[in-house]
Amino acid sequence: MKNMLMDAHGEVLRAIELHKNGDKAPLSPAILNNVKRELEDMMEAMDPKIYVPSYSRPIMDWPEEDETGIVKRLVHVSFDYDRIRK
C-alpha cells in the first residue's frame, strides 16, 4: 500500500509541475495540492481509523476527460487505503 501511495504522490507532483509550466495537466492545481497533502497524511497514518482522505468525491466529479488515468488511479488508491486493517 505504501508503494501505491508513493506512486500516486509522484504522479500528483508531476501534474502540479505541468500546471506550473503552463502545460496541459489533469485536474486543477487546487485539487492536486489538496490530494498531495492528503496522500502525505495517508502515508504518515497508514490506518483508515486514524486518517481518512476526502479527495475522492471532488475528483470523481471532475468534468474533464482524463487521458492520464490519474483520476481512476487516485480513486483506487483511496478505496484500497480504506481497506487497510491493523
C-alpha atoms as a PDB file:
ATOM      1  CA  MET A   1       0.000   0.000   0.000  1.00  0.00           C
ATOM      2  CA  LYS A   2       2.806   2.409   0.871  1.00  0.00           C
ATOM      3  CA  ASN A   3       4.321   1.962  -2.617  1.00  0.00           C
ATOM      4  CA  MET A   4       0.937   2.624  -4.221  1.00  0.00           C
ATOM      5  CA  LEU A   5       0.603   5.830  -2.206  1.00  0.00           C
ATOM      6  CA  MET A   6       4.144   6.905  -3.116  1.00  0.00           C
ATOM      7  CA  ASP A   7       3.482   6.272  -6.820  1.00  0.00           C
ATOM      8  CA  ALA A   8       0.243   8.265  -6.708  1.00  0.00           C
ATOM      9  CA  HIS A   9       2.049  11.062  -4.853  1.00  0.00           C
ATOM     10  CA  GLY A  10       4.689  11.167  -7.607  1.00  0.00           C
ATOM     11  CA  GLU A  11       2.016  11.386 -10.294  1.00  0.00           C
ATOM     12  CA  VAL A  12       0.318  14.239  -8.467  1.00  0.00           C
ATOM     13  CA  LEU A  13       3.652  16.080  -8.147  1.00  0.00           C
ATOM     14  CA  ARG A  14       4.237  15.656 -11.903  1.00  0.00           C
ATOM     15  CA  ALA A  15       0.767  17.023 -12.673  1.00  0.00           C
ATOM     16  CA  ILE A  16       1.379  20.012 -10.374  1.00  0.00           C
ATOM     17  CA  GLU A  17       4.653  20.675 -12.197  1.00  0.00           C
ATOM     18  CA  LEU A  18       2.856  20.530 -15.575  1.00  0.00           C
ATOM     19  CA  HIS A  19       0.417  23.198 -14.356  1.00  0.00           C
ATOM     20  CA  LYS A  20       3.311  25.372 -13.118  1.00  0.00           C
ATOM     21  CA  ASN A  21       4.919  25.151 -16.559  1.00  0.00           C
ATOM     22  CA  GLY A  22       1.651  26.082 -18.277  1.00  0.00           C
ATOM     23  CA  ASP A  23       1.283  22.650 -19.866  1.00  0.00           C
ATOM     24  CA  LYS A  24      -1.918  20.648 -20.125  1.00  0.00           C
ATOM     25  CA  ALA A  25      -2.449  18.615 -16.958  1.00  0.00           C
ATOM     26  CA  PRO A  26      -5.285  16.692 -15.315  1.00  0.00           C
ATOM     27  CA  LEU A  27      -7.413  18.248 -12.582  1.00  0.00           C
ATOM     28  CA  SER A  28      -6.877  21.740 -11.215  1.00  0.00           C
ATOM     29  CA  PRO A  29      -3.842  22.946  -9.258  1.00  0.00           C
ATOM     30  CA  ALA A  30      -6.027  23.451  -6.166  1.00  0.00           C
ATOM     31  CA  ILE A  31      -7.375  19.896  -6.260  1.00  0.00           C
ATOM     32  CA  LEU A  32      -3.910  18.487  -6.942  1.00  0.00           C
ATOM     33  CA  ASN A  33      -2.422  20.351  -3.975  1.00  0.00           C
ATOM     34  CA  ASN A  34      -5.224  19.053  -1.763  1.00  0.00           C
ATOM     35  CA  VAL A  35      -4.677  15.490  -2.990  1.00  0.00           C
ATOM     36  CA  LYS A  36      -0.918  15.815  -2.457  1.00  0.00           C
ATOM     37  CA  ARG A  37      -1.463  16.822   1.182  1.00  0.00           C
ATOM     38  CA  GLU A  38      -3.987  14.035   1.732  1.00  0.00           C
ATOM     39  CA  LEU A  39      -1.682  11.406   0.209  1.00  0.00           C
ATOM     40  CA  GLU A  40       1.079  12.590   2.543  1.00  0.00           C
ATOM     41  CA  ASP A  41      -1.295  12.294   5.512  1.00  0.00           C
ATOM     42  CA  MET A  42      -2.318   8.816   4.364  1.00  0.00           C
ATOM     43  CA  MET A  43       1.329   7.721   4.096  1.00  0.00           C
ATOM     44  CA  GLU A  44       2.014   9.007   7.582  1.00  0.00           C
ATOM     45  CA  ALA A  45      -1.034   7.404   9.213  1.00  0.00           C
ATOM     46  CA  MET A  46      -1.291   4.189   7.165  1.00  0.00           C
ATOM     47  CA  ASP A  47      -4.514   3.486   9.055  1.00  0.00           C
ATOM     48  CA  PRO A  48      -8.031   4.477   7.896  1.00  0.00           C
ATOM     49  CA  LYS A  49      -9.153   4.510  11.535  1.00  0.00           C
ATOM     50  CA  ILE A  50      -6.734   7.395  12.150  1.00  0.00           C
ATOM     51  CA  TYR A  51      -6.998   9.306   8.878  1.00  0.00           C
ATOM     52  CA  VAL A  52      -9.496   9.078   6.009  1.00  0.00           C
ATOM     53  CA  PRO A  53      -8.950  11.107   2.830  1.00  0.00           C
ATOM     54  CA  SER A  54     -11.774  13.224   1.478  1.00  0.00           C
ATOM     55  CA  TYR A  55     -10.455  13.815  -2.030  1.00  0.00           C
ATOM     56  CA  SER A  56     -12.284  11.095  -3.931  1.00  0.00           C
ATOM     57  CA  ARG A  57     -15.636  12.854  -4.366  1.00  0.00           C
ATOM     58  CA  PRO A  58     -14.297  16.087  -5.963  1.00  0.00           C
ATOM     59  CA  ILE A  59     -12.056  14.024  -8.211  1.00  0.00           C
ATOM     60  CA  MET A  60     -14.851  11.713  -9.348  1.00  0.00           C
ATOM     61  CA  ASP A  61     -16.942  14.795 -10.173  1.00  0.00           C
ATOM     62  CA  TRP A  62     -14.181  16.392 -12.250  1.00  0.00           C
ATOM     63  CA  PRO A  63     -15.816  17.302 -15.596  1.00  0.00           C
ATOM     64  CA  GLU A  64     -12.875  16.883 -17.972  1.00  0.00           C
ATOM     65  CA  GLU A  65     -11.681  13.740 -19.712  1.00  0.00           C
ATOM     66  CA  ASP A  66      -8.596  12.277 -18.060  1.00  0.00           C
ATOM     67  CA  GLU A  67      -6.202  10.826 -20.621  1.00  0.00           C
ATOM     68  CA  THR A  68      -3.533  10.241 -17.962  1.00  0.00           C
ATOM     69  CA  GLY A  69      -5.660   7.883 -15.870  1.00  0.00           C
ATOM     70  CA  ILE A  70      -4.740   9.752 -12.690  1.00  0.00           C
ATOM     71  CA  VAL A  71      -8.363  10.189 -11.596  1.00  0.00           C
ATOM     72  CA  LYS A  72      -9.085   6.465 -11.790  1.00  0.00           C
ATOM     73  CA  ARG A  73      -5.783   5.669 -10.055  1.00  0.00           C
ATOM     74  CA  LEU A  74      -6.471   8.088  -7.182  1.00  0.00           C
ATOM     75  CA  VAL A  75      -9.945   6.663  -6.644  1.00  0.00           C
ATOM     76  CA  HIS A  76      -8.454   3.153  -6.473  1.00  0.00           C
ATOM     77  CA  VAL A  77      -5.778   4.306  -4.020  1.00  0.00           C
ATOM     78  CA  SER A  78      -8.458   5.785  -1.769  1.00  0.00           C
ATOM     79  CA  PHE A  79     -10.520   2.592  -1.966  1.00  0.00           C
ATOM     80  CA  ASP A  80      -7.533   0.328  -1.235  1.00  0.00           C
ATOM     81  CA  TYR A  81      -6.367   2.559   1.611  1.00  0.00           C
ATOM     82  CA  ASP A  82      -9.803   2.308   3.209  1.00  0.00           C
ATOM     83  CA  ARG A  83      -9.398  -1.492   3.261  1.00  0.00           C
ATOM     84  CA  ILE A  84      -6.192  -1.448   5.382  1.00  0.00           C
ATOM     85  CA  ARG A  85      -6.663  -3.383   8.595  1.00  0.00           C
ATOM     86  CA  LYS A  86      -4.307  -3.180  11.545  1.00  0.00           C
END
